[in-house]
Amino acid sequence: MDNPFDARNSPAPGGSKNDSASNPLETPRSPSRSTRNLSPPKPGDQYGRFPSTSPRRRYNGRSLFSDRYIPNRTGVDLQAAFSLTNQEVLPDFRASRASGAGNTLSANAEERDANEIEIRKEEEANRLFSSVLKAELFGDHVPMATADLSRSNARPDKKNDLASNMRSSNHSSTMLTAGGSIPSSGRTTPPRTTANTGVMSTPRLSTNMFTYQLPSKQRPISRDLQHELFSLSPVRLESQKFLLSPQKKPRNISKVPYRVLDAPDLSDDFYLNLVDWGSQDVLAVGLGDSVYLWDGLTQSVERLCVLENKDKVTSLSWIGSGTHLAVGTLKGLVEIWDATKTRCVRTMTGHKLRVSALAWNEHILSSGSRDRTIYNRDVRILDHYVNCFEHHKQEVCGLKWNVEENKLASGGNDNNLFIWDALNTKPLHQFTEHNAAVKAIAWSPHQRGILASGGGTADKTIKVWNTLTGNRINNVETGSQVCNLIWSKNSNELVSTHGYSRNQIIVWKYLSMQQIAQLTGHTYRVLYLSMSPDGETIVTGAGDETLRFWNVFEKNRNNEPPASVLLDAFLRLR
């Protein structure tokens, strides 16, 4: 006898047992949840009909579905269901590599510096892979919030953001037609349209994501040869366009010097300044008691002078025009040599100990000494110096003039950094935040009043100052002694040279102070640094008695000749 409580034997209300077979495309009904707690059937109920049954699903004659069994998923919130896609798909290289670094702070800093550039490249590749993967899996169904969140965790580079380039307002008419371009993402939700676009488009968010629909009047089969139905590529057309679109090439800085010169007797003394590259493309190098000149045009080397009385060269500096060279000596003298005539035109006294630093400002020559003083000399007059600064408590080892603003920066072994306004004997600013000698000093040629300074072994930091306000802008831990700093003429970038323990050269991006490149090769501290007149090449010197030339910066486009004779004439009029 049939069980009256068996739902399989119970006909639907108002119908027979065979009603369910009348429509072969209808989804079979399942028992209602209300049948879980049922009382026995009442006497009037035929075959024990239940108080409530599942509602019948109506057949929509306007849509045709296939007979394949595909899960019917409606209302899928991809932002909630796949929220993990906002995170890194591949492991965090920073965390994994930092965990394997040394236990000391210096070891961690060196490991970070060595891997920083490669890690950034890997992260950029991971972000690109994640963007393509999202677009291939979900297409237009990925909400804009996903792209925005992933963009907030990465660098704000719109060119590398696939989600922003591939978000479509009309996927069928824009993406899949011949000559279509990748639209921009200006809306948060893809709009719905009922226009006949002439191609078979991807289902909108209002439809079932995994439901196949046959072509109809509103969804005809595309005859466009660029339609994805005819594509032989494993990725969608918009992904192809993105991957094939021209990308900004990364900076390619050679890790190997293109020229190495021997420099015998190049002193391994942190406080000296023995290398300077003049505006006439002539490099001056102090070796023992002699000064040598290397011509960048002819690649020839000649000796400019030999000091007498067992004196030694301790500092060098070219005048702005590149015709005269100032030479500081161990005995406290300052000599001015005419490089074109190879003769000494003047010798000036004043210092009692060695002259460690020299800096030119037009006709004013400033000299810093181990006797803790700074003498300002006007080479046009007979007096050996105009005035004297006496605020440093130990040797003055860093001097740099800002010619445009007429300000002088001086650093000393007393860990102090002073800013002087012209020849005023009272300092404009005094910065005392360094914990070691301040030899590395560089003025920014791109922004007014911006000065970078580096500390010695006990400090190991690069600090950036706003000398207009007297505030510190940035502080970067480098992990090693900062020996020199120089600012690029062609781009807003900074170069630093270092001592113990890696003897490296680092190129920094200002203002973020991210490392662009790290160059190694010297086996001793990189104590000397100078830049070519065109701003493309730097030369470094070390106690390993070598000079190394590096191609670091790109050409300055502002120095290119005018594109036409008319433009040249216009520039002459101005």
Protein backbone atom coordinates (compact mmCIF):
# COMPACT_ATOMS: atom_id res chain seq x y z
CA MET A 1 0.00 0.00 0.00
CA ASP A 2 1.32 3.42 -0.89
CA ASN A 3 2.40 5.66 1.95
CA PRO A 4 0.17 8.77 1.87
CA PHE A 5 3.02 10.82 3.46
CA ASP A 6 5.46 9.96 0.66
CA ALA A 7 5.89 13.14 -1.41
CA ARG A 8 6.86 11.08 -4.44
CA ASN A 9 3.36 9.55 -4.56
CA SER A 10 1.49 12.77 -3.87
CA PRO A 11 0.08 14.54 -6.93
CA ALA A 12 0.27 18.28 -7.16
CA PRO A 13 -2.81 20.19 -6.03
CA GLY A 14 -5.36 20.36 -8.77
CA GLY A 15 -3.51 17.93 -11.05
CA SER A 16 -2.62 14.29 -11.62
CA LYS A 17 0.61 12.41 -11.10
CA ASN A 18 1.62 12.91 -14.69
CA ASP A 19 1.39 16.71 -14.61
CA SER A 20 5.05 17.03 -13.78
CA ALA A 21 6.00 15.20 -16.95
CA SER A 22 3.98 17.47 -19.19
CA ASN A 23 6.76 20.05 -19.36
CA PRO A 24 10.16 18.38 -19.94
CA LEU A 25 12.08 21.68 -19.46
CA GLU A 26 10.59 22.45 -16.07
CA THR A 27 12.85 22.06 -13.06
CA PRO A 28 11.60 19.25 -10.72
CA ARG A 29 10.05 20.52 -7.53
CA SER A 30 11.58 19.70 -4.19
CA PRO A 31 9.66 19.14 -0.95
CA SER A 32 8.82 22.34 0.87
CA ARG A 33 10.62 23.15 4.08
CA SER A 34 7.23 23.37 5.72
CA THR A 35 6.88 19.55 5.53
CA ARG A 36 9.45 18.99 8.22
CA ASN A 37 6.96 19.47 11.10
CA LEU A 38 3.63 18.09 9.87
CA SER A 39 0.65 16.80 11.79
CA PRO A 40 -1.31 13.76 10.51
CA PRO A 41 -3.60 14.54 7.58
CA LYS A 42 -7.10 15.65 8.27
CA PRO A 43 -9.98 13.39 7.21
CA GLY A 44 -11.01 15.72 4.40
CA ASP A 45 -7.64 15.86 2.79
CA GLN A 46 -7.26 13.66 -0.29
CA TYR A 47 -4.12 11.48 -0.23
CA GLY A 48 -2.91 13.50 2.74
CA ARG A 49 -2.24 16.75 0.91
CA PHE A 50 0.08 19.05 2.76
CA PRO A 51 -1.00 22.45 4.09
CA SER A 52 1.63 24.16 1.88
CA THR A 53 3.74 23.11 -1.07
CA SER A 54 6.58 24.63 -3.07
CA PRO A 55 5.44 27.30 -5.53
CA ARG A 56 5.41 26.18 -9.12
CA ARG A 57 8.02 27.75 -11.38
CA ARG A 58 6.40 29.40 -14.32
CA TYR A 59 7.71 28.75 -17.79
CA ASN A 60 8.93 31.80 -19.65
CA GLY A 61 8.27 31.23 -23.30
CA ARG A 62 10.46 34.13 -24.41
CA SER A 63 13.72 32.45 -23.36
CA LEU A 64 15.16 29.14 -24.50
CA PHE A 65 17.62 27.29 -22.31
CA SER A 66 19.86 24.37 -23.11
CA ASP A 67 19.39 20.92 -21.64
CA ARG A 68 22.85 20.95 -20.02
CA TYR A 69 22.91 20.79 -16.23
CA ILE A 70 24.49 24.07 -15.18
CA PRO A 71 24.04 25.49 -11.68
CA ASN A 72 21.54 28.31 -11.72
CA ARG A 73 23.19 31.09 -9.73
CA THR A 74 21.34 34.33 -9.43
CA GLY A 75 22.33 37.45 -7.56
CA VAL A 76 25.98 36.52 -7.09
CA ASP A 77 27.85 39.32 -5.36
CA LEU A 78 31.36 38.87 -6.68
CA GLN A 79 32.70 41.61 -4.45
CA ALA A 80 31.58 39.66 -1.37
CA ALA A 81 32.12 36.14 -2.70
CA PHE A 82 35.63 36.80 -4.02
CA SER A 83 36.83 39.50 -1.65
CA LEU A 84 40.22 37.81 -1.42
CA THR A 85 40.95 38.92 -4.98
CA ASN A 86 41.74 42.36 -3.60
CA GLN A 87 44.78 40.90 -1.88
CA GLU A 88 48.03 39.69 -3.35
CA VAL A 89 47.56 36.50 -5.37
CA LEU A 90 51.19 35.49 -5.02
CA PRO A 91 53.14 35.45 -1.75
CA ASP A 92 54.45 38.61 -0.15
CA PHE A 93 58.09 38.71 -1.15
CA ARG A 94 58.87 41.50 1.28
CA ALA A 95 57.67 39.55 4.30
CA SER A 96 59.32 36.29 3.27
CA ARG A 97 62.67 37.89 2.51
CA ALA A 98 62.63 40.12 5.56
CA SER A 99 62.13 37.06 7.76
CA GLY A 100 65.32 35.54 6.36
CA ALA A 101 67.45 38.62 6.92
CA GLY A 102 70.03 38.99 9.65
CA ASN A 103 69.29 39.77 13.25
CA THR A 104 71.03 43.13 13.37
CA LEU A 105 69.57 46.38 12.09
CA SER A 106 72.41 46.92 9.65
CA ALA A 107 71.99 43.44 8.20
CA ASN A 108 68.28 44.05 7.71
CA ALA A 109 68.97 47.37 6.01
CA GLU A 110 71.54 45.83 3.66
CA GLU A 111 69.20 42.97 2.77
CA ARG A 112 66.40 45.44 2.11
CA ASP A 113 68.58 47.63 -0.06
CA ALA A 114 69.88 44.70 -2.10
CA ASN A 115 66.42 43.25 -2.78
CA GLU A 116 64.28 46.40 -2.95
CA ILE A 117 64.48 46.89 -6.71
CA GLU A 118 63.98 43.23 -7.62
CA ILE A 119 61.07 42.94 -5.19
CA ARG A 120 59.35 45.92 -6.80
CA LYS A 121 59.68 44.31 -10.23
CA GLU A 122 58.16 41.07 -8.94
CA GLU A 123 55.30 42.92 -7.27
CA GLU A 124 54.57 44.81 -10.49
CA ALA A 125 54.46 41.53 -12.41
CA ASN A 126 52.17 40.05 -9.76
CA ARG A 127 49.75 42.97 -10.01
CA LEU A 128 49.66 42.64 -13.79
CA PHE A 129 48.98 38.90 -13.54
CA SER A 130 46.22 39.46 -10.97
CA SER A 131 44.51 42.07 -13.15
CA VAL A 132 44.55 39.85 -16.23
CA LEU A 133 43.32 36.87 -14.22
CA LYS A 134 40.37 38.84 -12.79
CA ALA A 135 39.43 40.16 -16.20
CA GLU A 136 39.59 36.72 -17.80
CA LEU A 137 37.53 35.04 -15.08
CA PHE A 138 34.87 37.64 -14.42
CA GLY A 139 34.97 40.15 -17.25
CA ASP A 140 32.44 42.92 -16.72
CA HIS A 141 31.08 41.26 -13.58
CA VAL A 142 33.91 42.53 -11.38
CA PRO A 143 32.65 45.61 -9.49
CA MET A 144 34.70 48.76 -9.73
CA ALA A 145 35.36 48.60 -5.99
CA THR A 146 37.66 45.64 -6.61
CA ALA A 147 39.86 47.62 -8.97
CA ASP A 148 39.86 50.63 -6.68
CA LEU A 149 40.96 48.58 -3.69
CA SER A 150 43.75 46.86 -5.55
CA ARG A 151 44.88 50.21 -6.95
CA SER A 152 45.07 51.70 -3.47
CA ASN A 153 47.56 49.03 -2.40
CA ALA A 154 49.82 49.62 -5.38
CA ARG A 155 51.51 52.59 -6.90
CA PRO A 156 49.03 54.95 -8.58
CA ASP A 157 49.98 54.03 -12.12
CA LYS A 158 46.95 54.12 -14.38
CA LYS A 159 48.80 52.58 -17.29
CA ASN A 160 49.37 49.36 -15.38
CA ASP A 161 45.84 49.12 -13.99
CA LEU A 162 44.11 46.62 -16.23
CA ALA A 163 40.82 46.85 -14.37
CA SER A 164 40.53 50.58 -15.02
CA ASN A 165 41.42 50.22 -18.72
CA MET A 166 39.17 47.24 -19.37
CA ARG A 167 35.95 48.32 -17.62
CA SER A 168 33.35 48.65 -20.39
CA SER A 169 30.22 50.71 -20.58
CA ASN A 170 29.07 48.82 -23.68
CA HIS A 171 31.07 45.65 -23.97
CA SER A 172 29.48 44.45 -27.19
CA SER A 173 29.73 47.59 -29.26
CA THR A 174 33.06 48.86 -27.95
CA MET A 175 35.18 45.86 -27.13
CA LEU A 176 34.33 43.34 -29.82
CA THR A 177 33.95 45.44 -32.95
CA ALA A 178 36.69 46.16 -35.42
CA GLY A 179 38.83 49.09 -34.44
CA GLY A 180 37.32 49.23 -30.95
CA SER A 181 39.38 50.85 -28.24
CA ILE A 182 39.68 50.17 -24.56
CA PRO A 183 37.31 52.53 -22.73
CA SER A 184 38.03 54.28 -19.49
CA SER A 185 36.38 53.40 -16.20
CA GLY A 186 34.37 56.41 -15.18
CA ARG A 187 31.30 54.64 -13.70
CA THR A 188 30.97 52.38 -10.74
CA THR A 189 28.32 50.05 -12.27
CA PRO A 190 28.12 48.88 -15.89
CA PRO A 191 24.98 50.46 -17.43
CA ARG A 192 22.21 48.34 -18.88
CA THR A 193 21.15 48.86 -22.43
CA THR A 194 18.48 47.36 -24.66
CA ALA A 195 19.87 48.65 -27.92
CA ASN A 196 20.56 46.19 -30.70
CA THR A 197 24.33 46.27 -30.93
CA GLY A 198 24.67 43.70 -33.67
CA VAL A 199 26.87 41.30 -31.72
CA MET A 200 26.37 38.65 -29.10
CA SER A 201 27.36 40.38 -25.85
CA THR A 202 28.32 39.07 -22.44
CA PRO A 203 25.37 38.62 -20.02
CA ARG A 204 24.77 41.60 -17.77
CA LEU A 205 24.75 41.53 -13.99
CA SER A 206 20.96 41.16 -13.98
CA THR A 207 21.17 37.75 -15.70
CA ASN A 208 22.37 34.40 -14.46
CA MET A 209 26.13 34.42 -14.70
CA PHE A 210 26.60 30.76 -15.74
CA THR A 211 23.46 30.36 -17.87
CA TYR A 212 23.84 29.87 -21.61
CA GLN A 213 21.26 31.59 -23.81
CA LEU A 214 20.57 30.95 -27.45
CA PRO A 215 20.80 33.75 -29.99
CA SER A 216 17.67 35.85 -30.37
CA LYS A 217 16.60 39.07 -32.03
CA GLN A 218 18.16 40.97 -29.16
CA ARG A 219 21.23 38.67 -29.17
CA PRO A 220 22.12 37.76 -32.77
CA ILE A 221 25.24 35.83 -33.68
CA SER A 222 28.10 38.19 -34.53
CA ARG A 223 29.47 38.31 -38.06
CA ASP A 224 32.47 40.35 -36.95
CA LEU A 225 35.70 38.47 -37.64
CA GLN A 226 37.23 40.04 -34.53
CA HIS A 227 34.53 38.56 -32.32
CA GLU A 228 35.87 36.38 -29.53
CA LEU A 229 33.97 33.39 -30.97
CA PHE A 230 36.47 33.37 -33.84
CA SER A 231 39.55 34.22 -31.78
CA LEU A 232 42.42 31.73 -31.60
CA SER A 233 43.92 33.45 -28.57
CA PRO A 234 43.42 31.95 -25.11
CA VAL A 235 42.61 35.39 -23.68
CA ARG A 236 39.86 37.86 -24.44
CA LEU A 237 40.21 40.62 -26.99
CA GLU A 238 40.45 43.39 -24.40
CA SER A 239 43.18 41.44 -22.58
CA GLN A 240 45.07 41.12 -25.85
CA LYS A 241 44.81 44.86 -26.46
CA PHE A 242 46.05 45.61 -22.98
CA LEU A 243 48.97 43.18 -23.10
CA LEU A 244 49.99 44.36 -26.58
CA SER A 245 49.62 48.06 -25.84
CA PRO A 246 52.91 49.95 -25.44
CA GLN A 247 53.98 50.08 -21.82
CA LYS A 248 56.37 52.49 -20.18
CA LYS A 249 59.75 50.82 -20.24
CA PRO A 250 61.49 50.48 -16.88
CA ARG A 251 64.70 52.36 -16.31
CA ASN A 252 67.56 50.28 -17.64
CA ILE A 253 70.63 51.34 -15.67
CA SER A 254 73.74 49.32 -16.39
CA LYS A 255 75.14 47.65 -13.29
CA VAL A 256 78.62 47.65 -14.82
CA PRO A 257 80.77 50.79 -15.32
CA TYR A 258 81.52 51.51 -18.95
CA ARG A 259 85.03 52.77 -18.14
CA VAL A 260 87.49 52.14 -15.31
CA LEU A 261 90.65 54.23 -14.85
CA ASP A 262 93.54 53.54 -12.52
CA ALA A 263 94.13 56.23 -9.91
CA PRO A 264 97.28 55.33 -7.96
CA ASP A 265 97.72 57.08 -4.61
CA LEU A 266 94.05 58.12 -4.46
CA SER A 267 93.65 58.76 -0.74
CA ASP A 268 91.23 56.71 1.36
CA ASP A 269 90.36 59.66 3.63
CA PHE A 270 86.69 60.38 4.33
CA TYR A 271 87.22 64.12 4.88
CA LEU A 272 88.92 64.94 1.56
CA ASN A 273 87.42 65.99 -1.79
CA LEU A 274 89.78 64.95 -4.58
CA VAL A 275 87.57 64.52 -7.69
CA ASP A 276 85.67 67.21 -9.64
CA TRP A 277 84.24 67.25 -13.19
CA GLY A 278 84.23 70.71 -14.78
CA SER A 279 81.84 72.32 -17.24
CA GLN A 280 84.45 71.99 -20.02
CA ASP A 281 84.21 68.18 -19.76
CA VAL A 282 87.55 67.90 -17.98
CA LEU A 283 87.88 65.71 -14.89
CA ALA A 284 90.37 66.80 -12.22
CA VAL A 285 91.82 64.22 -9.81
CA GLY A 286 94.20 64.80 -6.92
CA LEU A 287 96.75 62.01 -6.48
CA GLY A 288 99.29 62.58 -3.75
CA ASP A 289 101.14 65.82 -4.54
CA SER A 290 99.88 66.03 -8.15
CA VAL A 291 96.73 67.04 -10.00
CA TYR A 292 95.80 65.20 -13.20
CA LEU A 293 93.30 66.25 -15.86
CA TRP A 294 91.32 63.74 -17.94
CA ASP A 295 89.72 65.17 -21.09
CA GLY A 296 86.32 63.62 -21.74
CA LEU A 297 86.43 64.54 -25.43
CA THR A 298 89.87 63.22 -26.38
CA GLN A 299 90.20 60.64 -23.55
CA SER A 300 93.69 62.03 -22.91
CA VAL A 301 95.36 62.56 -19.52
CA GLU A 302 97.84 65.26 -18.56
CA ARG A 303 99.36 66.45 -15.31
CA LEU A 304 98.38 69.96 -14.31
CA CYS A 305 100.73 70.54 -11.40
CA VAL A 306 103.04 69.08 -8.76
CA LEU A 307 103.00 70.71 -5.32
CA GLU A 308 106.28 71.77 -3.78
CA ASN A 309 107.70 71.49 -0.26
CA LYS A 310 106.29 67.99 0.26
CA ASP A 311 102.75 69.36 0.22
CA LYS A 312 99.76 67.22 -0.79
CA VAL A 313 96.47 67.85 -2.52
CA THR A 314 93.47 67.68 -0.16
CA SER A 315 90.64 69.30 -2.16
CA LEU A 316 89.68 70.36 -5.70
CA SER A 317 86.95 72.53 -7.24
CA TRP A 318 86.35 73.89 -10.76
CA ILE A 319 85.06 77.42 -11.27
CA GLY A 320 81.67 77.61 -13.00
CA SER A 321 83.16 78.42 -16.41
CA GLY A 322 85.47 75.41 -16.21
CA THR A 323 88.65 77.35 -17.02
CA HIS A 324 90.27 77.64 -13.57
CA LEU A 325 90.78 75.03 -10.86
CA ALA A 326 91.09 75.74 -7.14
CA VAL A 327 93.45 73.40 -5.27
CA GLY A 328 93.50 73.05 -1.49
CA THR A 329 96.63 71.69 0.17
CA LEU A 330 97.68 69.89 3.32
CA LYS A 331 99.52 72.99 4.60
CA GLY A 332 96.43 75.23 4.40
CA LEU A 333 97.12 76.96 1.09
CA VAL A 334 94.61 77.59 -1.69
CA GLU A 335 96.04 77.76 -5.21
CA ILE A 336 94.18 78.81 -8.37
CA TRP A 337 95.38 77.22 -11.61
CA ASP A 338 94.60 78.25 -15.17
CA ALA A 339 93.86 74.91 -16.84
CA THR A 340 94.13 76.33 -20.36
CA LYS A 341 97.64 77.69 -19.78
CA THR A 342 98.73 75.11 -17.18
CA ARG A 343 100.04 77.65 -14.68
CA CYS A 344 99.26 78.86 -11.17
CA VAL A 345 97.80 82.37 -11.22
CA ARG A 346 97.39 82.89 -7.48
CA THR A 347 98.15 81.43 -4.04
CA MET A 348 96.07 82.44 -1.01
CA THR A 349 96.74 81.86 2.67
CA GLY A 350 94.65 82.03 5.82
CA HIS A 351 94.12 78.49 7.04
CA LYS A 352 96.45 76.95 9.61
CA LEU A 353 95.62 73.32 8.77
CA ARG A 354 94.63 71.33 5.68
CA VAL A 355 91.92 72.64 3.35
CA SER A 356 89.32 69.85 3.17
CA ALA A 357 86.56 71.46 1.06
CA LEU A 358 86.22 74.12 -1.65
CA ALA A 359 83.15 75.67 -3.32
CA TRP A 360 82.70 78.39 -5.97
CA ASN A 361 79.95 81.01 -6.31
CA GLU A 362 80.83 83.04 -9.39
CA HIS A 363 83.93 84.97 -8.27
CA ILE A 364 83.59 83.98 -4.58
CA LEU A 365 85.64 80.98 -3.46
CA SER A 366 84.85 79.45 -0.06
CA SER A 367 87.30 77.12 1.66
CA GLY A 368 86.73 74.90 4.70
CA SER A 369 89.56 73.63 6.83
CA ARG A 370 90.57 71.34 9.64
CA ASP A 371 91.13 74.47 11.71
CA ARG A 372 87.27 74.68 11.96
CA THR A 373 86.98 77.87 9.90
CA ILE A 374 85.44 78.82 6.55
CA TYR A 375 87.11 81.60 4.56
CA ASN A 376 85.23 83.44 1.80
CA ARG A 377 87.58 84.82 -0.85
CA ASP A 378 86.87 87.27 -3.67
CA VAL A 379 89.39 86.35 -6.34
CA ARG A 380 88.99 89.75 -8.02
CA ILE A 381 90.64 91.65 -5.18
CA LEU A 382 94.08 91.45 -3.61
CA ASP A 383 92.91 90.46 -0.13
CA HIS A 384 93.22 86.76 0.52
CA TYR A 385 89.75 86.56 2.09
CA VAL A 386 86.71 88.76 2.69
CA ASN A 387 85.36 87.29 5.92
CA CYS A 388 85.43 84.15 8.05
CA PHE A 389 82.77 81.80 9.50
CA GLU A 390 83.75 80.27 12.85
CA HIS A 391 80.71 78.33 14.06
CA HIS A 392 81.95 74.77 13.48
CA LYS A 393 83.58 72.99 16.43
CA GLN A 394 85.54 70.45 14.37
CA GLU A 395 86.88 70.02 10.83
CA VAL A 396 84.78 71.40 7.97
CA CYS A 397 84.51 68.60 5.40
CA GLY A 398 81.48 69.58 3.26
CA LEU A 399 80.82 72.84 1.35
CA LYS A 400 78.23 73.54 -1.36
CA TRP A 401 76.99 76.84 -2.80
CA ASN A 402 73.46 77.33 -4.11
CA VAL A 403 74.33 79.87 -6.79
CA GLU A 404 70.72 80.71 -7.72
CA GLU A 405 69.72 81.54 -4.14
CA ASN A 406 73.14 82.75 -2.97
CA LYS A 407 73.22 80.41 0.03
CA LEU A 408 76.08 78.28 1.35
CA ALA A 409 75.71 74.92 3.14
CA SER A 410 78.55 73.66 5.32
CA GLY A 411 78.94 70.34 7.11
CA GLY A 412 81.51 69.34 9.67
CA ASN A 413 82.89 66.58 11.83
CA ASP A 414 80.94 68.11 14.72
CA ASN A 415 77.75 66.58 13.19
CA ASN A 416 76.39 70.06 12.44
CA LEU A 417 74.94 71.41 9.20
CA PHE A 418 74.86 75.20 8.77
CA ILE A 419 73.04 77.30 6.16
CA TRP A 420 74.60 80.70 5.46
CA ASP A 421 72.85 83.57 3.68
CA ALA A 422 75.46 84.94 1.26
CA LEU A 423 78.40 86.29 3.24
CA ASN A 424 76.45 87.00 6.42
CA THR A 425 78.54 85.76 9.35
CA LYS A 426 75.44 84.72 11.31
CA PRO A 427 74.04 81.36 10.10
CA LEU A 428 70.52 81.29 8.75
CA HIS A 429 69.86 77.73 10.02
CA GLN A 430 71.67 75.19 12.15
CA PHE A 431 70.64 71.52 11.84
CA THR A 432 71.90 69.18 14.55
CA GLU A 433 69.97 65.96 13.83
CA HIS A 434 72.88 64.03 12.30
CA ASN A 435 74.83 61.73 14.63
CA ALA A 436 78.07 61.68 12.62
CA ALA A 437 80.18 63.86 10.35
CA VAL A 438 78.28 65.64 7.57
CA LYS A 439 80.35 65.52 4.39
CA ALA A 440 77.65 64.67 1.82
CA ILE A 441 75.74 67.83 0.81
CA ALA A 442 73.69 68.49 -2.35
CA TRP A 443 71.34 71.32 -3.37
CA SER A 444 68.35 70.44 -5.54
CA PRO A 445 68.48 72.11 -8.99
CA HIS A 446 64.73 71.52 -9.43
CA GLN A 447 63.16 73.06 -6.30
CA ARG A 448 64.05 76.18 -4.37
CA GLY A 449 65.58 75.73 -0.95
CA ILE A 450 65.74 71.91 -0.98
CA LEU A 451 68.96 70.48 0.46
CA ALA A 452 70.01 66.85 1.01
CA SER A 453 72.65 65.84 3.55
CA GLY A 454 74.19 62.52 4.59
CA GLY A 455 75.80 61.35 7.80
CA GLY A 456 78.82 59.19 8.51
CA THR A 457 79.23 55.75 10.06
CA ALA A 458 77.36 56.48 13.29
CA ASP A 459 74.45 58.09 11.43
CA LYS A 460 73.93 56.29 8.08
CA THR A 461 70.97 58.48 7.10
CA ILE A 462 70.06 60.83 4.28
CA LYS A 463 68.02 63.82 5.39
CA VAL A 464 66.24 66.30 3.14
CA TRP A 465 65.69 69.86 4.38
CA ASN A 466 63.59 72.83 3.37
CA THR A 467 65.98 75.70 3.99
CA LEU A 468 63.24 78.27 3.34
CA THR A 469 61.32 77.13 6.42
CA GLY A 470 64.05 75.33 8.34
CA ASN A 471 62.07 72.06 8.45
CA ARG A 472 63.18 68.53 7.71
CA ILE A 473 61.24 66.92 4.85
CA ASN A 474 62.56 63.37 4.79
CA ASN A 475 64.79 60.96 6.65
CA VAL A 476 66.04 57.72 5.06
CA GLU A 477 68.02 54.99 6.79
CA THR A 478 70.62 53.70 4.32
CA GLY A 479 72.39 51.10 6.45
CA SER A 480 75.89 52.36 5.66
CA GLN A 481 78.12 55.41 5.83
CA VAL A 482 76.99 58.18 3.45
CA CYS A 483 80.08 59.57 1.72
CA ASN A 484 78.67 61.76 -1.09
CA LEU A 485 75.43 63.10 -2.52
CA ILE A 486 74.68 64.66 -5.89
CA TRP A 487 71.44 65.69 -7.54
CA SER A 488 70.65 64.83 -11.16
CA LYS A 489 70.49 67.78 -13.54
CA ASN A 490 68.04 66.04 -15.88
CA SER A 491 65.56 64.42 -13.46
CA ASN A 492 64.39 64.75 -9.89
CA GLU A 493 66.67 61.98 -8.67
CA LEU A 494 69.51 61.73 -6.21
CA VAL A 495 72.74 59.69 -6.14
CA SER A 496 74.48 58.64 -2.95
CA THR A 497 77.77 56.80 -2.44
CA HIS A 498 78.46 54.71 0.63
CA GLY A 499 81.18 53.15 2.69
CA TYR A 500 81.13 50.22 5.08
CA SER A 501 79.96 47.59 4.54
CA ARG A 502 78.77 47.28 0.92
CA ASN A 503 80.55 50.24 -0.73
CA GLN A 504 77.54 50.74 -2.98
CA ILE A 505 76.15 53.53 -5.16
CA ILE A 506 72.38 54.13 -4.90
CA VAL A 507 70.08 56.09 -7.20
CA TRP A 508 67.03 57.48 -5.37
CA LYS A 509 63.70 58.80 -6.64
CA TYR A 510 62.76 62.08 -4.99
CA LEU A 511 60.36 62.73 -3.13
CA SER A 512 59.42 59.12 -2.37
CA MET A 513 63.10 58.20 -1.82
CA GLN A 514 62.58 54.82 -3.46
CA GLN A 515 65.66 53.09 -4.81
CA ILE A 516 65.86 53.06 -8.59
CA ALA A 517 69.19 51.26 -8.90
CA GLN A 518 72.04 50.02 -6.79
CA LEU A 519 75.54 49.81 -8.27
CA THR A 520 78.45 47.89 -6.79
CA GLY A 521 82.02 47.22 -7.83
CA HIS A 522 84.29 49.25 -5.58
CA THR A 523 86.11 47.25 -2.92
CA TYR A 524 86.72 50.27 -0.68
CA ARG A 525 84.56 53.14 0.51
CA VAL A 526 83.20 55.22 -2.38
CA LEU A 527 84.53 58.53 -1.09
CA TYR A 528 84.44 60.62 -4.27
CA LEU A 529 81.60 61.47 -6.63
CA SER A 530 81.11 63.91 -9.50
CA MET A 531 78.83 64.34 -12.52
CA SER A 532 79.49 65.06 -16.19
CA PRO A 533 78.40 68.43 -17.65
CA ASP A 534 75.55 66.83 -19.63
CA GLY A 535 74.21 65.18 -16.48
CA GLU A 536 74.16 61.65 -17.94
CA THR A 537 77.29 60.15 -16.38
CA ILE A 538 78.69 59.99 -12.87
CA VAL A 539 82.24 59.14 -11.88
CA THR A 540 83.11 57.55 -8.55
CA GLY A 541 86.44 57.13 -6.81
CA ALA A 542 87.48 54.95 -3.90
CA GLY A 543 90.43 53.81 -1.84
CA ASP A 544 90.82 50.86 -4.21
CA GLU A 545 92.59 53.42 -6.44
CA THR A 546 90.11 53.25 -9.31
CA LEU A 547 87.79 55.71 -11.01
CA ARG A 548 84.60 54.18 -12.40
CA PHE A 549 82.28 55.81 -14.93
CA TRP A 550 78.56 54.91 -14.85
CA ASN A 551 75.77 55.73 -17.30
CA VAL A 552 72.95 56.53 -14.89
CA PHE A 553 70.70 59.29 -16.21
CA GLU A 554 68.91 59.92 -19.47
CA LYS A 555 69.42 62.88 -21.77
CA ASN A 556 67.87 66.19 -20.87
CA ARG A 557 65.18 66.81 -23.48
CA ASN A 558 65.18 70.51 -22.68
CA ASN A 559 68.69 70.76 -24.12
CA GLU A 560 67.69 69.36 -27.52
CA PRO A 561 67.90 71.79 -30.47
CA PRO A 562 64.68 73.44 -31.70
CA ALA A 563 62.58 71.42 -34.13
CA SER A 564 62.42 74.22 -36.69
CA VAL A 565 64.18 77.38 -37.77
CA LEU A 566 61.07 79.40 -36.91
CA LEU A 567 61.08 78.12 -33.35
CA ASP A 568 64.78 78.88 -33.07
CA ALA A 569 64.14 82.46 -34.20
CA PHE A 570 61.31 82.81 -31.69
CA LEU A 571 63.57 81.65 -28.85
CA ARG A 572 66.19 84.16 -29.91
CA LEU A 573 63.62 86.97 -29.74
CA ARG A 574 62.78 86.04 -26.18
